[in-house]
PDB file of N, CA and C in Angstrom:
ATOM      1  N   MET A   1     122.132  75.576 -96.682  1.00  0.00           N
ATOM      2  CA  MET A   1     121.881  77.175 -95.536  1.00  0.00           C
ATOM      3  C   MET A   1     122.685  76.786 -94.050  1.00  0.00           C
ATOM      4  N   TYR A   2     122.794  77.912 -93.800  1.00  0.00           N
ATOM      5  CA  TYR A   2     123.443  77.510 -91.885  1.00  0.00           C
ATOM      6  C   TYR A   2     122.227  77.453 -91.200  1.00  0.00           C
ATOM      7  N   ASP A   3     121.978  76.792 -90.111  1.00  0.00           N
ATOM      8  CA  ASP A   3     121.103  76.817 -89.274  1.00  0.00           C
ATOM      9  C   ASP A   3     121.230  77.709 -87.962  1.00  0.00           C
ATOM     10  N   GLN A   4     120.251  78.483 -88.114  1.00  0.00           N
ATOM     11  CA  GLN A   4     121.122  79.321 -86.602  1.00  0.00           C
ATOM     12  C   GLN A   4     119.959  79.020 -85.712  1.00  0.00           C
ATOM     13  N   LYS A   5     119.959  78.922 -84.429  1.00  0.00           N
ATOM     14  CA  LYS A   5     119.351  78.672 -83.403  1.00  0.00           C
ATOM     15  C   LYS A   5     119.208  79.484 -82.344  1.00  0.00           C
ATOM     16  N   LYS A   6     118.042  79.909 -81.879  1.00  0.00           N
ATOM     17  CA  LYS A   6     118.345  80.879 -80.811  1.00  0.00           C
ATOM     18  C   LYS A   6     118.594  80.191 -79.601  1.00  0.00           C
ATOM     19  N   PRO A   7     119.356  81.047 -78.763  1.00  0.00           N
ATOM     20  CA  PRO A   7     120.071  80.565 -77.633  1.00  0.00           C
ATOM     21  C   PRO A   7     119.330  80.676 -76.708  1.00  0.00           C
ATOM     22  N   PRO A   8     119.338  79.656 -75.663  1.00  0.00           N
ATOM     23  CA  PRO A   8     118.191  79.354 -74.979  1.00  0.00           C
ATOM     24  C   PRO A   8     117.859  80.529 -73.384  1.00  0.00           C
ATOM     25  N   THR A   9     116.856  80.492 -73.379  1.00  0.00           N
ATOM     26  CA  THR A   9     116.177  81.861 -72.916  1.00  0.00           C
ATOM     27  C   THR A   9     116.860  82.241 -71.753  1.00  0.00           C
ATOM     28  N   SER A  10     117.619  81.300 -70.757  1.00  0.00           N
ATOM     29  CA  SER A  10     118.443  82.088 -70.050  1.00  0.00           C
ATOM     30  C   SER A  10     119.682  82.452 -70.333  1.00  0.00           C
ATOM     31  N   GLU A  11     120.078  82.158 -71.317  1.00  0.00           N
ATOM     32  CA  GLU A  11     121.365  82.975 -71.975  1.00  0.00           C
ATOM     33  C   GLU A  11     120.951  84.225 -72.595  1.00  0.00           C
ATOM     34  N   ARG A  12     119.491  84.506 -73.073  1.00  0.00           N
ATOM     35  CA  ARG A  12     119.302  85.337 -73.988  1.00  0.00           C
ATOM     36  C   ARG A  12     118.638  86.866 -72.489  1.00  0.00           C
ATOM     37  N   MET A  13     118.659  86.139 -71.691  1.00  0.00           N
ATOM     38  CA  MET A  13     118.316  86.994 -70.617  1.00  0.00           C
ATOM     39  C   MET A  13     119.373  87.579 -69.465  1.00  0.00           C
ATOM     40  N   LEU A  14     120.634  87.343 -69.741  1.00  0.00           N
ATOM     41  CA  LEU A  14     121.668  87.636 -69.448  1.00  0.00           C
ATOM     42  C   LEU A  14     122.215  89.010 -69.349  1.00  0.00           C
ATOM     43  N   PRO A  15     122.509  89.961 -68.100  1.00  0.00           N
ATOM     44  CA  PRO A  15     122.517  91.427 -68.317  1.00  0.00           C
ATOM     45  C   PRO A  15     123.623  91.803 -68.740  1.00  0.00           C
ATOM     46  N   ILE A  16     123.664  93.061 -68.968  1.00  0.00           N
ATOM     47  CA  ILE A  16     125.049  93.431 -69.867  1.00  0.00           C
ATOM     48  C   ILE A  16     126.064  93.642 -68.947  1.00  0.00           C
ATOM     49  N   LEU A  17     127.464  93.065 -69.449  1.00  0.00           N
ATOM     50  CA  LEU A  17     128.429  93.079 -68.737  1.00  0.00           C
ATOM     51  C   LEU A  17     128.951  94.124 -68.214  1.00  0.00           C
ATOM     52  N   GLY A  18     129.383  94.014 -66.534  1.00  0.00           N
ATOM     53  CA  GLY A  18     129.605  95.191 -66.384  1.00  0.00           C
ATOM     54  C   GLY A  18     128.635  95.810 -65.460  1.00  0.00           C
ATOM     55  N   ARG A  19     127.368  95.488 -65.438  1.00  0.00           N
ATOM     56  CA  ARG A  19     126.054  96.241 -65.031  1.00  0.00           C
ATOM     57  C   ARG A  19     125.780  94.708 -63.868  1.00  0.00           C
ATOM     58  N   SER A  20     125.518  94.884 -62.880  1.00  0.00           N
ATOM     59  CA  SER A  20     125.232  93.940 -62.287  1.00  0.00           C
ATOM     60  C   SER A  20     123.873  94.920 -61.563  1.00  0.00           C
ATOM     61  N   GLY A  21     122.722  93.730 -61.042  1.00  0.00           N
ATOM     62  CA  GLY A  21     121.695  94.304 -60.306  1.00  0.00           C
ATOM     63  C   GLY A  21     120.977  95.132 -61.349  1.00  0.00           C
ATOM     64  N   ILE A  22     120.372  94.673 -62.652  1.00  0.00           N
ATOM     65  CA  ILE A  22     119.897  95.680 -63.698  1.00  0.00           C
ATOM     66  C   ILE A  22     118.300  95.040 -63.462  1.00  0.00           C
ATOM     67  N   GLU A  23     117.222  96.028 -63.168  1.00  0.00           N
ATOM     68  CA  GLU A  23     116.255  95.997 -63.241  1.00  0.00           C
ATOM     69  C   GLU A  23     115.347  95.671 -64.329  1.00  0.00           C
ATOM     70  N   PRO A  24     114.443  94.813 -64.866  1.00  0.00           N
ATOM     71  CA  PRO A  24     114.062  94.350 -65.773  1.00  0.00           C
ATOM     72  C   PRO A  24     112.675  95.555 -66.284  1.00  0.00           C
ATOM     73  N   LEU A  25     112.623  96.079 -66.934  1.00  0.00           N
ATOM     74  CA  LEU A  25     111.259  97.069 -67.522  1.00  0.00           C
ATOM     75  C   LEU A  25     110.306  96.424 -67.663  1.00  0.00           C
ATOM     76  N   LEU A  26     109.033  96.882 -67.019  1.00  0.00           N
ATOM     77  CA  LEU A  26     108.204  96.514 -67.336  1.00  0.00           C
ATOM     78  C   LEU A  26     107.246  97.742 -68.761  1.00  0.00           C
ATOM     79  N   ASP A  27     106.036  96.772 -69.160  1.00  0.00           N
ATOM     80  CA  ASP A  27     105.328  97.449 -70.207  1.00  0.00           C
ATOM     81  C   ASP A  27     104.604  98.725 -69.856  1.00  0.00           C
ATOM     82  N   SER A  28     103.903  99.105 -70.399  1.00  0.00           N
ATOM     83  CA  SER A  28     102.563  99.782 -69.763  1.00  0.00           C
ATOM     84  C   SER A  28     101.539  99.101 -69.348  1.00  0.00           C
ATOM     85  N   HIS A  29     101.082  98.436 -69.849  1.00  0.00           N
ATOM     86  CA  HIS A  29     100.377  97.201 -69.171  1.00  0.00           C
ATOM     87  C   HIS A  29     100.274  96.859 -67.676  1.00  0.00           C
ATOM     88  N   THR A  30     101.682  96.213 -67.877  1.00  0.00           N
ATOM     89  CA  THR A  30     101.921  95.468 -66.135  1.00  0.00           C
ATOM     90  C   THR A  30     101.764  96.759 -65.522  1.00  0.00           C
ATOM     91  N   ALA A  31     102.755  97.788 -65.705  1.00  0.00           N
ATOM     92  CA  ALA A  31     102.628  98.779 -65.386  1.00  0.00           C
ATOM     93  C   ALA A  31     101.500  99.404 -63.970  1.00  0.00           C
ATOM     94  N   ALA A  32     100.249  99.614 -65.681  1.00  0.00           N
ATOM     95  CA  ALA A  32      99.063 100.141 -65.111  1.00  0.00           C
ATOM     96  C   ALA A  32      98.461  99.228 -64.006  1.00  0.00           C
ATOM     97  N   ALA A  33      98.359  97.957 -64.333  1.00  0.00           N
ATOM     98  CA  ALA A  33      97.785  96.769 -63.592  1.00  0.00           C
ATOM     99  C   ALA A  33      98.335  97.020 -62.410  1.00  0.00           C
ATOM    100  N   MET A  34      99.580  97.579 -61.909  1.00  0.00           N
ATOM    101  CA  MET A  34     100.313  97.453 -60.594  1.00  0.00           C
ATOM    102  C   MET A  34      99.537  99.051 -59.988  1.00  0.00           C
ATOM    103  N   LEU A  35      99.118  99.843 -60.767  1.00  0.00           N
ATOM    104  CA  LEU A  35      98.492 101.040 -60.274  1.00  0.00           C
ATOM    105  C   LEU A  35      97.049 101.027 -60.324  1.00  0.00           C
ATOM    106  N   ASN A  36      96.275  99.794 -60.949  1.00  0.00           N
ATOM    107  CA  ASN A  36      94.988  99.910 -61.302  1.00  0.00           C
ATOM    108  C   ASN A  36      94.273 100.837 -62.294  1.00  0.00           C
ATOM    109  N   VAL A  37      95.248 101.533 -63.301  1.00  0.00           N
ATOM    110  CA  VAL A  37      94.585 102.651 -63.778  1.00  0.00           C
ATOM    111  C   VAL A  37      94.836 102.159 -65.826  1.00  0.00           C
ATOM    112  N   HIS A  38      93.907 102.589 -66.682  1.00  0.00           N
ATOM    113  CA  HIS A  38      94.837 102.116 -67.811  1.00  0.00           C
ATOM    114  C   HIS A  38      95.662 102.359 -68.474  1.00  0.00           C
ATOM    115  N   PRO A  39      96.666 101.917 -68.956  1.00  0.00           N
ATOM    116  CA  PRO A  39      97.754 102.212 -69.649  1.00  0.00           C
ATOM    117  C   PRO A  39      97.901 103.491 -69.961  1.00  0.00           C
ATOM    118  N   ARG A  40      96.923 104.263 -70.499  1.00  0.00           N
ATOM    119  CA  ARG A  40      96.733 105.409 -71.483  1.00  0.00           C
ATOM    120  C   ARG A  40      96.899 106.360 -70.639  1.00  0.00           C
ATOM    121  N   THR A  41      96.469 106.082 -69.274  1.00  0.00           N
ATOM    122  CA  THR A  41      96.010 107.118 -67.986  1.00  0.00           C
ATOM    123  C   THR A  41      97.744 107.143 -67.156  1.00  0.00           C
ATOM    124  N   LEU A  42      98.385 105.957 -67.406  1.00  0.00           N
ATOM    125  CA  LEU A  42     100.108 105.719 -66.895  1.00  0.00           C
ATOM    126  C   LEU A  42     101.134 106.697 -67.769  1.00  0.00           C
ATOM    127  N   GLN A  43     100.847 106.209 -69.147  1.00  0.00           N
ATOM    128  CA  GLN A  43     101.295 107.311 -70.297  1.00  0.00           C
ATOM    129  C   GLN A  43     101.315 109.083 -69.836  1.00  0.00           C
ATOM    130  N   ARG A  44      99.622 109.306 -69.605  1.00  0.00           N
ATOM    131  CA  ARG A  44      99.882 110.889 -69.517  1.00  0.00           C
ATOM    132  C   ARG A  44     100.532 111.018 -68.055  1.00  0.00           C
ATOM    133  N   MET A  45     100.165 110.140 -67.197  1.00  0.00           N
ATOM    134  CA  MET A  45     101.268 110.587 -66.036  1.00  0.00           C
ATOM    135  C   MET A  45     102.430 110.851 -65.987  1.00  0.00           C
ATOM    136  N   VAL A  46     103.389 110.308 -67.124  1.00  0.00           N
ATOM    137  CA  VAL A  46     104.347 110.549 -67.380  1.00  0.00           C
ATOM    138  C   VAL A  46     104.793 111.606 -67.991  1.00  0.00           C
ATOM    139  N   LEU A  47     103.981 112.118 -68.845  1.00  0.00           N
ATOM    140  CA  LEU A  47     104.009 113.075 -69.842  1.00  0.00           C
ATOM    141  C   LEU A  47     104.451 114.477 -68.967  1.00  0.00           C
ATOM    142  N   ARG A  48     103.323 114.342 -67.487  1.00  0.00           N
ATOM    143  CA  ARG A  48     102.604 115.374 -66.409  1.00  0.00           C
ATOM    144  C   ARG A  48     104.216 115.876 -65.862  1.00  0.00           C
ATOM    145  N   GLY A  49     104.894 114.166 -65.879  1.00  0.00           N
ATOM    146  CA  GLY A  49     106.193 114.137 -64.674  1.00  0.00           C
ATOM    147  C   GLY A  49     106.017 114.230 -63.378  1.00  0.00           C
ATOM    148  N   LEU A  50     104.516 113.159 -63.645  1.00  0.00           N
ATOM    149  CA  LEU A  50     104.053 112.326 -62.182  1.00  0.00           C
ATOM    150  C   LEU A  50     105.137 111.141 -61.593  1.00  0.00           C
ATOM    151  N   ILE A  51     105.210 110.717 -63.205  1.00  0.00           N
ATOM    152  CA  ILE A  51     106.023 109.336 -62.789  1.00  0.00           C
ATOM    153  C   ILE A  51     107.153 108.850 -64.080  1.00  0.00           C
ATOM    154  N   THR A  52     108.116 108.349 -63.732  1.00  0.00           N
ATOM    155  CA  THR A  52     109.434 108.128 -64.455  1.00  0.00           C
ATOM    156  C   THR A  52     109.080 107.004 -65.608  1.00  0.00           C
ATOM    157  N   GLY A  53     109.018 107.370 -66.567  1.00  0.00           N
ATOM    158  CA  GLY A  53     109.213 106.158 -67.589  1.00  0.00           C
ATOM    159  C   GLY A  53     109.849 106.602 -68.788  1.00  0.00           C
ATOM    160  N   VAL A  54     110.384 105.741 -69.449  1.00  0.00           N
ATOM    161  CA  VAL A  54     111.132 105.468 -70.617  1.00  0.00           C
ATOM    162  C   VAL A  54     110.293 105.112 -71.952  1.00  0.00           C
ATOM    163  N   GLN A  55     110.885 106.020 -72.805  1.00  0.00           N
ATOM    164  CA  GLN A  55     110.030 105.820 -74.223  1.00  0.00           C
ATOM    165  C   GLN A  55     111.143 104.658 -75.208  1.00  0.00           C
ATOM    166  N   VAL A  56     110.422 103.835 -75.467  1.00  0.00           N
ATOM    167  CA  VAL A  56     111.339 103.070 -76.576  1.00  0.00           C
ATOM    168  C   VAL A  56     110.611 103.153 -77.886  1.00  0.00           C
ATOM    169  N   GLY A  57     111.229 103.755 -78.950  1.00  0.00           N
ATOM    170  CA  GLY A  57     110.349 103.899 -79.646  1.00  0.00           C
ATOM    171  C   GLY A  57     108.759 104.207 -79.686  1.00  0.00           C
ATOM    172  N   LYS A  58     107.980 103.690 -80.023  1.00  0.00           N
ATOM    173  CA  LYS A  58     106.302 103.914 -79.879  1.00  0.00           C
ATOM    174  C   LYS A  58     105.953 103.743 -78.094  1.00  0.00           C
ATOM    175  N   LEU A  59     106.618 102.452 -77.508  1.00  0.00           N
ATOM    176  CA  LEU A  59     106.189 102.027 -76.484  1.00  0.00           C
ATOM    177  C   LEU A  59     107.288 102.538 -74.929  1.00  0.00           C
ATOM    178  N   TRP A  60     106.082 102.355 -74.195  1.00  0.00           N
ATOM    179  CA  TRP A  60     106.560 102.985 -72.609  1.00  0.00           C
ATOM    180  C   TRP A  60     107.311 101.635 -71.852  1.00  0.00           C
ATOM    181  N   ARG A  61     108.221 102.182 -71.336  1.00  0.00           N
ATOM    182  CA  ARG A  61     108.508 101.103 -70.396  1.00  0.00           C
ATOM    183  C   ARG A  61     109.314 101.695 -69.206  1.00  0.00           C
ATOM    184  N   PHE A  62     108.613 101.112 -67.861  1.00  0.00           N
ATOM    185  CA  PHE A  62     108.542 101.249 -66.276  1.00  0.00           C
ATOM    186  C   PHE A  62     109.629 100.461 -65.748  1.00  0.00           C
ATOM    187  N   ARG A  63     110.171 100.689 -64.491  1.00  0.00           N
ATOM    188  CA  ARG A  63     110.634 100.357 -63.587  1.00  0.00           C
ATOM    189  C   ARG A  63     109.704  99.764 -62.501  1.00  0.00           C
ATOM    190  N   ALA A  64     109.942  98.831 -61.731  1.00  0.00           N
ATOM    191  CA  ALA A  64     108.873  98.247 -61.076  1.00  0.00           C
ATOM    192  C   ALA A  64     109.011  99.197 -59.532  1.00  0.00           C
ATOM    193  N   SER A  65     110.345  99.583 -59.815  1.00  0.00           N
ATOM    194  CA  SER A  65     110.658 100.128 -58.272  1.00  0.00           C
ATOM    195  C   SER A  65     110.125 101.556 -58.317  1.00  0.00           C
ATOM    196  N   THR A  66     110.276 102.382 -59.658  1.00  0.00           N
ATOM    197  CA  THR A  66     109.765 103.569 -59.627  1.00  0.00           C
ATOM    198  C   THR A  66     108.468 103.699 -59.519  1.00  0.00           C
ATOM    199  N   ILE A  67     107.242 102.623 -60.056  1.00  0.00           N
ATOM    200  CA  ILE A  67     106.176 102.650 -59.848  1.00  0.00           C
ATOM    201  C   ILE A  67     105.586 102.229 -58.050  1.00  0.00           C
ATOM    202  N   ASN A  68     106.526 101.442 -57.330  1.00  0.00           N
ATOM    203  CA  ASN A  68     106.481 101.110 -56.049  1.00  0.00           C
ATOM    204  C   ASN A  68     106.869 102.753 -54.907  1.00  0.00           C
ATOM    205  N   ALA A  69     108.271 103.051 -55.790  1.00  0.00           N
ATOM    206  CA  ALA A  69     108.381 105.060 -54.836  1.00  0.00           C
ATOM    207  C   ALA A  69     107.553 105.432 -55.211  1.00  0.00           C
ATOM    208  N   TRP A  70     106.350 105.783 -55.815  1.00  0.00           N
ATOM    209  CA  TRP A  70     105.231 106.596 -56.304  1.00  0.00           C
ATOM    210  C   TRP A  70     104.372 106.432 -55.568  1.00  0.00           C
ATOM    211  N   ILE A  71     103.950 105.038 -55.239  1.00  0.00           N
ATOM    212  CA  ILE A  71     102.679 104.792 -54.425  1.00  0.00           C
ATOM    213  C   ILE A  71     103.202 104.980 -52.826  1.00  0.00           C
ATOM    214  N   ASP A  72     104.736 104.665 -52.780  1.00  0.00           N
ATOM    215  CA  ASP A  72     104.813 105.044 -51.394  1.00  0.00           C
ATOM    216  C   ASP A  72     104.686 106.694 -50.965  1.00  0.00           C
ATOM    217  N   ARG A  73     105.169 107.434 -52.221  1.00  0.00           N
ATOM    218  CA  ARG A  73     105.260 108.748 -51.986  1.00  0.00           C
ATOM    219  C   ARG A  73     103.854 109.170 -51.664  1.00  0.00           C
ATOM    220  N   LYS A  74     102.478 108.765 -52.537  1.00  0.00           N
ATOM    221  CA  LYS A  74     101.378 108.845 -52.225  1.00  0.00           C
ATOM    222  C   LYS A  74     101.067 108.814 -50.978  1.00  0.00           C
ATOM    223  N   GLN A  75     101.032 107.679 -50.817  1.00  0.00           N
ATOM    224  CA  GLN A  75     100.825 106.726 -49.104  1.00  0.00           C
ATOM    225  C   GLN A  75     101.112 107.945 -48.101  1.00  0.00           C
ATOM    226  N   ALA A  76     102.564 108.240 -47.989  1.00  0.00           N
ATOM    227  CA  ALA A  76     103.251 109.062 -47.406  1.00  0.00           C
ATOM    228  C   ALA A  76     102.710 110.528 -47.342  1.00  0.00           C
ATOM    229  N   SER A  77     102.091 111.201 -48.059  1.00  0.00           N
ATOM    230  CA  SER A  77     101.495 112.416 -48.404  1.00  0.00           C
ATOM    231  C   SER A  77     100.081 112.563 -47.996  1.00  0.00           C
TER     232      SER A  77
END
């Protein structure tokens, strides 16, 4: 049988060719920790249109820059 090994982590994390500067996505728990809220609260904020997130299947993903921009907007107002 053919023994297929996983590529090293550095190879698995390479960005898609042609797209430079790809920002990794945060899961709900990590993004919620940045705001010091419960992950479900963060998901409700997305559904209300307060924060931008992407739903992948049942999971939500967030860009750290989006979370930081939301914090900056709140501090400015």
